[in-house]
Amino acid sequence: MKYTTKNEFEHFNFAEAYIGDVQVTSGFFHMVLDNVTILPENSCNRDIREMRANNLILKIEEFSVISVVEEGFKTYNADGKLIGTCEDVEIAPEEQLEVIKTFADGVLYSLEKCDAQYIFNIDAANERSYVLTVEGSGDEEAWDRFLNKE
């Protein structure tokens, strides 16, 4: 990769990023993201304006999955009357890796960092929404080129 940053998470905006791939193995977590906004404060951004990147690899170092929650929803009829409710479901640890694989081809609506935790809000390809919480010692972002933001 041509550009690499370490622990500059706050200098990116991951909202509305497309998830091309997710890899989770022992000691290794990375996502390949398209449509990531690189903020002017980023150390690699010499244009001092918002830019964009595709095929950005986000790595979280020394990670552990804290939780995977499938978000609940409400169903209404055409008259706006509530038909049913589905509550949030926390995915069991032994099923988490299979669920995380469904995130590829989904959309990352937001990604926030709180202390050492990374909180991903994802609309997965299986038409369900999830909140993935991962703890890690740091992050690394790598990409090949800057793109203009329209």
C-alpha atoms as a PDB file:
ATOM      1  CA  MET A   1       0.000   0.000   0.000  1.00  0.00           C
ATOM      2  CA  LYS A   2       1.225   3.442  -0.898  1.00  0.00           C
ATOM      3  CA  TYR A   3      -0.225   5.297   2.121  1.00  0.00           C
ATOM      4  CA  THR A   4      -0.329   4.002   5.679  1.00  0.00           C
ATOM      5  CA  THR A   5      -1.355   5.604   8.945  1.00  0.00           C
ATOM      6  CA  LYS A   6      -1.218   4.226  12.448  1.00  0.00           C
ATOM      7  CA  ASN A   7      -3.648   5.251  15.178  1.00  0.00           C
ATOM      8  CA  GLU A   8      -5.138   8.083  13.117  1.00  0.00           C
ATOM      9  CA  PHE A   9      -8.663   6.720  13.348  1.00  0.00           C
ATOM     10  CA  GLU A  10     -10.133  10.159  14.087  1.00  0.00           C
ATOM     11  CA  HIS A  11      -8.791  11.484  10.763  1.00  0.00           C
ATOM     12  CA  PHE A  12     -11.195   9.320   8.728  1.00  0.00           C
ATOM     13  CA  ASN A  13     -14.950   9.276   8.282  1.00  0.00           C
ATOM     14  CA  PHE A  14     -16.187   5.730   7.700  1.00  0.00           C
ATOM     15  CA  ALA A  15     -19.890   6.616   7.351  1.00  0.00           C
ATOM     16  CA  GLU A  16     -21.518   5.027   4.295  1.00  0.00           C
ATOM     17  CA  ALA A  17     -18.438   2.942   3.482  1.00  0.00           C
ATOM     18  CA  TYR A  18     -18.988  -0.225   1.452  1.00  0.00           C
ATOM     19  CA  ILE A  19     -17.528  -3.375   3.032  1.00  0.00           C
ATOM     20  CA  GLY A  20     -15.662  -5.355   0.392  1.00  0.00           C
ATOM     21  CA  ASP A  21     -14.199  -8.005   2.684  1.00  0.00           C
ATOM     22  CA  VAL A  22     -13.865  -8.931   6.346  1.00  0.00           C
ATOM     23  CA  GLN A  23     -11.111 -11.179   7.680  1.00  0.00           C
ATOM     24  CA  VAL A  24     -11.167 -12.392  11.269  1.00  0.00           C
ATOM     25  CA  THR A  25      -8.706 -15.047  12.375  1.00  0.00           C
ATOM     26  CA  SER A  26      -6.621 -15.583  15.470  1.00  0.00           C
ATOM     27  CA  GLY A  27      -4.905 -12.271  16.136  1.00  0.00           C
ATOM     28  CA  PHE A  28      -5.927 -10.751  12.794  1.00  0.00           C
ATOM     29  CA  PHE A  29      -8.870  -8.406  12.050  1.00  0.00           C
ATOM     30  CA  HIS A  30      -9.189  -6.359   8.902  1.00  0.00           C
ATOM     31  CA  MET A  31     -11.877  -4.877   6.688  1.00  0.00           C
ATOM     32  CA  VAL A  32     -11.506  -3.736   3.107  1.00  0.00           C
ATOM     33  CA  LEU A  33     -13.605  -0.584   2.657  1.00  0.00           C
ATOM     34  CA  ASP A  34     -14.630   1.589  -0.287  1.00  0.00           C
ATOM     35  CA  ASN A  35     -15.868   5.173  -0.141  1.00  0.00           C
ATOM     36  CA  VAL A  36     -13.975   6.162   2.999  1.00  0.00           C
ATOM     37  CA  THR A  37     -13.536   9.899   3.562  1.00  0.00           C
ATOM     38  CA  ILE A  38     -10.022  11.003   4.451  1.00  0.00           C
ATOM     39  CA  LEU A  39     -10.209  14.170   6.509  1.00  0.00           C
ATOM     40  CA  PRO A  40      -7.897  17.176   5.985  1.00  0.00           C
ATOM     41  CA  GLU A  41      -6.113  16.504   9.308  1.00  0.00           C
ATOM     42  CA  ASN A  42      -4.829  13.117   8.093  1.00  0.00           C
ATOM     43  CA  SER A  43      -1.022  13.040   8.031  1.00  0.00           C
ATOM     44  CA  CYS A  44      -0.966  11.659   4.466  1.00  0.00           C
ATOM     45  CA  ASN A  45      -3.481  14.174   3.063  1.00  0.00           C
ATOM     46  CA  ARG A  46      -1.429  16.939   1.442  1.00  0.00           C
ATOM     47  CA  ASP A  47      -4.431  18.557  -0.266  1.00  0.00           C
ATOM     48  CA  ILE A  48      -5.836  19.817   3.062  1.00  0.00           C
ATOM     49  CA  ARG A  49      -9.400  19.001   1.968  1.00  0.00           C
ATOM     50  CA  GLU A  50     -11.673  16.020   2.274  1.00  0.00           C
ATOM     51  CA  MET A  51     -10.590  13.246  -0.049  1.00  0.00           C
ATOM     52  CA  ARG A  52     -11.838   9.718  -0.612  1.00  0.00           C
ATOM     53  CA  ALA A  53     -10.264   6.275  -0.822  1.00  0.00           C
ATOM     54  CA  ASN A  54     -11.340   2.899  -2.149  1.00  0.00           C
ATOM     55  CA  ASN A  55      -9.801  -0.432  -1.157  1.00  0.00           C
ATOM     56  CA  LEU A  56      -8.755   1.012   2.190  1.00  0.00           C
ATOM     57  CA  ILE A  57      -7.654  -1.716   4.580  1.00  0.00           C
ATOM     58  CA  LEU A  58      -8.575  -1.094   8.205  1.00  0.00           C
ATOM     59  CA  LYS A  59      -6.644  -3.316  10.619  1.00  0.00           C
ATOM     60  CA  ILE A  60      -7.286  -3.536  14.332  1.00  0.00           C
ATOM     61  CA  GLU A  61      -4.276  -4.782  16.224  1.00  0.00           C
ATOM     62  CA  GLU A  62      -4.452  -7.300  19.092  1.00  0.00           C
ATOM     63  CA  PHE A  63      -8.210  -7.449  18.766  1.00  0.00           C
ATOM     64  CA  SER A  64     -10.953  -9.314  20.580  1.00  0.00           C
ATOM     65  CA  VAL A  65     -14.630  -9.365  19.683  1.00  0.00           C
ATOM     66  CA  ILE A  66     -16.586  -7.992  22.622  1.00  0.00           C
ATOM     67  CA  SER A  67     -20.077  -8.448  21.165  1.00  0.00           C
ATOM     68  CA  VAL A  68     -22.133  -8.867  18.022  1.00  0.00           C
ATOM     69  CA  VAL A  69     -25.735  -7.687  18.333  1.00  0.00           C
ATOM     70  CA  GLU A  70     -28.380  -8.207  15.660  1.00  0.00           C
ATOM     71  CA  GLU A  71     -30.560  -5.133  15.896  1.00  0.00           C
ATOM     72  CA  GLY A  72     -34.277  -5.571  16.385  1.00  0.00           C
ATOM     73  CA  PHE A  73     -37.006  -3.959  14.332  1.00  0.00           C
ATOM     74  CA  LYS A  74     -40.718  -3.183  14.255  1.00  0.00           C
ATOM     75  CA  THR A  75     -43.109  -4.159  11.467  1.00  0.00           C
ATOM     76  CA  TYR A  76     -46.105  -2.009  10.524  1.00  0.00           C
ATOM     77  CA  ASN A  77     -49.015  -2.531   8.123  1.00  0.00           C
ATOM     78  CA  ALA A  78     -49.981  -0.039   5.406  1.00  0.00           C
ATOM     79  CA  ASP A  79     -52.140   1.896   7.878  1.00  0.00           C
ATOM     80  CA  GLY A  80     -49.195   2.417  10.219  1.00  0.00           C
ATOM     81  CA  LYS A  81     -50.468  -0.095  12.780  1.00  0.00           C
ATOM     82  CA  LEU A  82     -47.799  -2.082  14.600  1.00  0.00           C
ATOM     83  CA  ILE A  83     -47.892  -5.715  13.489  1.00  0.00           C
ATOM     84  CA  GLY A  84     -44.883  -7.141  15.288  1.00  0.00           C
ATOM     85  CA  THR A  85     -41.661  -6.459  17.134  1.00  0.00           C
ATOM     86  CA  CYS A  86     -38.333  -8.239  17.006  1.00  0.00           C
ATOM     87  CA  GLU A  87     -35.966  -7.431  19.879  1.00  0.00           C
ATOM     88  CA  ASP A  88     -32.184  -7.034  19.712  1.00  0.00           C
ATOM     89  CA  VAL A  89     -30.386 -10.384  19.847  1.00  0.00           C
ATOM     90  CA  GLU A  90     -26.845 -10.800  21.148  1.00  0.00           C
ATOM     91  CA  ILE A  91     -25.051 -13.400  19.041  1.00  0.00           C
ATOM     92  CA  ALA A  92     -23.458 -16.248  21.000  1.00  0.00           C
ATOM     93  CA  PRO A  93     -19.629 -16.244  20.931  1.00  0.00           C
ATOM     94  CA  GLU A  94     -19.469 -19.540  19.012  1.00  0.00           C
ATOM     95  CA  GLU A  95     -21.647 -18.071  16.215  1.00  0.00           C
ATOM     96  CA  GLN A  96     -19.976 -14.645  15.970  1.00  0.00           C
ATOM     97  CA  LEU A  97     -17.457 -15.498  13.225  1.00  0.00           C
ATOM     98  CA  GLU A  98     -20.171 -16.851  10.914  1.00  0.00           C
ATOM     99  CA  VAL A  99     -22.259 -13.702  11.410  1.00  0.00           C
ATOM    100  CA  ILE A 100     -19.244 -11.425  10.852  1.00  0.00           C
ATOM    101  CA  LYS A 101     -18.683 -13.113   7.463  1.00  0.00           C
ATOM    102  CA  THR A 102     -22.123 -11.821   6.353  1.00  0.00           C
ATOM    103  CA  PHE A 103     -20.847  -8.244   6.697  1.00  0.00           C
ATOM    104  CA  ALA A 104     -19.002  -8.447   3.351  1.00  0.00           C
ATOM    105  CA  ASP A 105     -20.959  -6.603   0.633  1.00  0.00           C
ATOM    106  CA  GLY A 106     -22.726  -4.625   3.345  1.00  0.00           C
ATOM    107  CA  VAL A 107     -22.570  -0.965   4.324  1.00  0.00           C
ATOM    108  CA  LEU A 108     -20.776   0.481   7.318  1.00  0.00           C
ATOM    109  CA  TYR A 109     -23.119   3.220   8.503  1.00  0.00           C
ATOM    110  CA  SER A 110     -20.874   4.416  11.286  1.00  0.00           C
ATOM    111  CA  LEU A 111     -17.681   3.491  13.055  1.00  0.00           C
ATOM    112  CA  GLU A 112     -16.804   5.069  16.369  1.00  0.00           C
ATOM    113  CA  LYS A 113     -13.982   4.586  18.809  1.00  0.00           C
ATOM    114  CA  CYS A 114     -14.448   4.795  22.545  1.00  0.00           C
ATOM    115  CA  ASP A 115     -11.189   4.253  24.436  1.00  0.00           C
ATOM    116  CA  ALA A 116      -9.909   0.915  23.083  1.00  0.00           C
ATOM    117  CA  GLN A 117     -13.280  -0.189  21.649  1.00  0.00           C
ATOM    118  CA  TYR A 118     -14.310   0.144  18.011  1.00  0.00           C
ATOM    119  CA  ILE A 119     -18.084   0.162  17.492  1.00  0.00           C
ATOM    120  CA  PHE A 120     -19.233  -0.753  13.974  1.00  0.00           C
ATOM    121  CA  ASN A 121     -22.859  -0.136  12.891  1.00  0.00           C
ATOM    122  CA  ILE A 122     -23.381  -2.353   9.855  1.00  0.00           C
ATOM    123  CA  ASP A 123     -26.186  -3.017   7.409  1.00  0.00           C
ATOM    124  CA  ALA A 124     -25.168  -6.507   6.288  1.00  0.00           C
ATOM    125  CA  ALA A 125     -25.812  -8.163   2.944  1.00  0.00           C
ATOM    126  CA  ASN A 126     -28.369 -10.462   4.628  1.00  0.00           C
ATOM    127  CA  GLU A 127     -30.667  -7.413   5.062  1.00  0.00           C
ATOM    128  CA  ARG A 128     -30.128  -7.251   8.822  1.00  0.00           C
ATOM    129  CA  SER A 129     -28.389  -4.586  10.891  1.00  0.00           C
ATOM    130  CA  TYR A 130     -25.681  -5.340  13.421  1.00  0.00           C
ATOM    131  CA  VAL A 131     -23.572  -3.607  16.023  1.00  0.00           C
ATOM    132  CA  LEU A 132     -20.099  -5.136  16.231  1.00  0.00           C
ATOM    133  CA  THR A 133     -17.916  -4.106  19.171  1.00  0.00           C
ATOM    134  CA  VAL A 134     -14.221  -4.939  18.923  1.00  0.00           C
ATOM    135  CA  GLU A 135     -11.485  -4.088  21.377  1.00  0.00           C
ATOM    136  CA  GLY A 136      -7.953  -3.554  20.151  1.00  0.00           C
ATOM    137  CA  SER A 137      -4.604  -2.042  21.018  1.00  0.00           C
ATOM    138  CA  GLY A 138      -4.514   0.189  17.940  1.00  0.00           C
ATOM    139  CA  ASP A 139      -5.492   0.613  14.334  1.00  0.00           C
ATOM    140  CA  GLU A 140      -3.779   0.890  10.987  1.00  0.00           C
ATOM    141  CA  GLU A 141      -5.226   2.198   7.737  1.00  0.00           C
ATOM    142  CA  ALA A 142      -3.646   1.577   4.342  1.00  0.00           C
ATOM    143  CA  TRP A 143      -4.712   2.571   0.823  1.00  0.00           C
ATOM    144  CA  ASP A 144      -3.181   3.088  -2.604  1.00  0.00           C
ATOM    145  CA  ARG A 145      -4.461   6.443  -3.789  1.00  0.00           C
ATOM    146  CA  PHE A 146      -6.519   9.497  -3.019  1.00  0.00           C
ATOM    147  CA  LEU A 147      -9.702  10.164  -4.975  1.00  0.00           C
ATOM    148  CA  ASN A 148     -11.569  13.431  -5.347  1.00  0.00           C
ATOM    149  CA  LYS A 149     -14.736  13.708  -3.341  1.00  0.00           C
ATOM    150  CA  GLU A 150     -17.684  14.917  -5.379  1.00  0.00           C
END
